[in-house]
């Protein structure tokens, strides 16, 4: 199974309107998100409430909070849609899915 097939089989399709958060800093969201269309922004909120941009994500790119996925910790950043977007959410809560993703990633290199 290649990476595209794995994402299609294990992923959940999301339609995200402009301005909607996929998750917020402090949430517990153990998923990996693959951008299919649109534009997402990952950012941190400082203690004073200022926004610091972590990254912008375009179609084909992926992101997730490793702290939430692997350690069960809260997400360290927020993810918001800057325009109508579509993404695939891949839950990384199970060890079986984590192992398969890493195997697929290694084979994809």
Protein backbone atom coordinates (compact mmCIF):
# COMPACT_ATOMS: atom_id res chain seq x y z
CA UNK A 1 0.00 0.00 0.00
CA UNK A 2 1.50 3.35 -0.98
CA UNK A 3 1.14 6.58 1.00
CA UNK A 4 -1.84 7.87 -1.03
CA UNK A 5 -3.72 4.59 -0.55
CA UNK A 6 -2.93 4.58 3.17
CA UNK A 7 -4.26 8.13 3.59
CA UNK A 8 -7.39 7.26 1.60
CA UNK A 9 -8.02 4.12 3.66
CA UNK A 10 -7.34 5.54 7.12
CA UNK A 11 -8.17 9.21 6.67
CA UNK A 12 -11.36 11.15 7.34
CA UNK A 13 -12.26 13.85 4.81
CA UNK A 14 -12.74 17.37 6.22
CA UNK A 15 -14.21 20.43 4.56
CA UNK A 16 -12.99 23.45 6.49
CA UNK A 17 -14.58 26.87 5.90
CA UNK A 18 -12.43 29.99 5.93
CA UNK A 19 -11.69 31.07 9.50
CA UNK A 20 -12.51 27.74 11.12
CA UNK A 21 -9.99 26.12 13.44
CA UNK A 22 -9.15 22.46 12.98
CA UNK A 23 -7.67 22.47 16.47
CA UNK A 24 -6.48 25.06 18.96
CA UNK A 25 -3.41 25.30 21.11
CA UNK A 26 -4.16 23.34 24.28
CA UNK A 27 -6.53 20.85 22.60
CA UNK A 28 -5.73 17.17 22.60
CA UNK A 29 -5.83 16.21 18.93
CA UNK A 30 -3.76 13.13 18.03
CA UNK A 31 -4.33 13.41 14.27
CA UNK A 32 -2.13 14.14 11.30
CA UNK A 33 -3.69 16.44 8.68
CA UNK A 34 -2.91 16.31 4.97
CA UNK A 35 -3.99 19.41 3.01
CA UNK A 36 -5.92 18.52 -0.16
CA UNK A 37 -6.91 22.06 -1.19
CA UNK A 38 -6.92 25.59 0.19
CA UNK A 39 -4.55 27.17 2.70
CA UNK A 40 -4.00 26.51 6.40
CA UNK A 41 -2.01 28.47 8.97
CA UNK A 42 -0.33 27.00 12.03
CA UNK A 43 0.44 29.48 14.79
CA UNK A 44 1.36 29.83 18.45
CA UNK A 45 -0.24 32.18 20.94
CA UNK A 46 2.21 33.77 23.33
CA UNK A 47 1.37 34.29 26.99
CA UNK A 48 0.52 37.90 26.15
CA UNK A 49 -1.93 36.74 23.45
CA UNK A 50 0.21 37.66 20.42
CA UNK A 51 0.09 35.35 17.44
CA UNK A 52 3.35 33.91 16.09
CA UNK A 53 3.08 32.12 12.74
CA UNK A 54 4.62 28.65 12.72
CA UNK A 55 3.90 27.85 9.07
CA UNK A 56 1.52 28.08 6.14
CA UNK A 57 0.36 24.80 4.63
CA UNK A 58 -0.49 24.28 0.98
CA UNK A 59 -1.99 21.28 -0.86
CA UNK A 60 0.14 18.16 -0.44
CA UNK A 61 1.66 19.27 2.86
CA UNK A 62 0.89 17.75 6.23
CA UNK A 63 0.98 18.74 9.89
CA UNK A 64 0.02 17.50 13.31
CA UNK A 65 1.03 18.00 16.91
CA UNK A 66 3.58 15.31 17.72
CA UNK A 67 3.19 16.11 21.42
CA UNK A 68 -0.52 15.29 21.18
CA UNK A 69 -0.14 12.29 18.87
CA UNK A 70 2.71 10.50 20.61
CA UNK A 71 2.74 11.70 24.22
CA UNK A 72 -0.93 12.56 24.70
CA UNK A 73 0.03 16.12 25.61
CA UNK A 74 -1.97 19.19 24.56
CA UNK A 75 -1.26 20.65 21.11
CA UNK A 76 1.43 23.31 21.26
CA UNK A 77 -0.04 25.34 18.39
CA UNK A 78 -3.33 26.13 16.61
CA UNK A 79 -4.36 25.26 13.04
CA UNK A 80 -6.82 27.49 11.16
CA UNK A 81 -8.10 27.65 7.60
CA UNK A 82 -7.29 30.89 5.74
CA UNK A 83 -9.58 29.98 2.84
CA UNK A 84 -12.08 27.24 2.12
CA UNK A 85 -9.96 24.11 2.45
CA UNK A 86 -10.13 20.35 2.33
CA UNK A 87 -7.95 18.04 4.38
CA UNK A 88 -7.66 14.42 5.40
CA UNK A 89 -7.44 13.69 9.12
CA UNK A 90 -5.47 10.57 9.99
CA UNK A 91 -5.84 9.49 13.63
CA UNK A 92 -2.49 8.57 15.12
CA UNK A 93 -3.83 7.30 18.42
CA UNK A 94 -3.26 3.63 17.68
CA UNK A 95 0.24 2.18 17.70
CA UNK A 96 -0.67 0.12 14.62
CA UNK A 97 -1.43 3.23 12.56
CA UNK A 98 1.72 5.01 13.81
CA UNK A 99 3.88 2.04 12.86
CA UNK A 100 2.27 1.70 9.41
CA UNK A 101 2.68 5.41 8.70
CA UNK A 102 6.39 5.29 9.55
CA UNK A 103 6.86 2.14 7.41
CA UNK A 104 5.09 3.80 4.49
CA UNK A 105 7.10 6.99 4.96
CA UNK A 106 10.38 5.06 4.97
CA UNK A 107 9.42 3.20 1.79
CA UNK A 108 8.36 6.46 0.15
CA UNK A 109 11.83 8.03 0.46
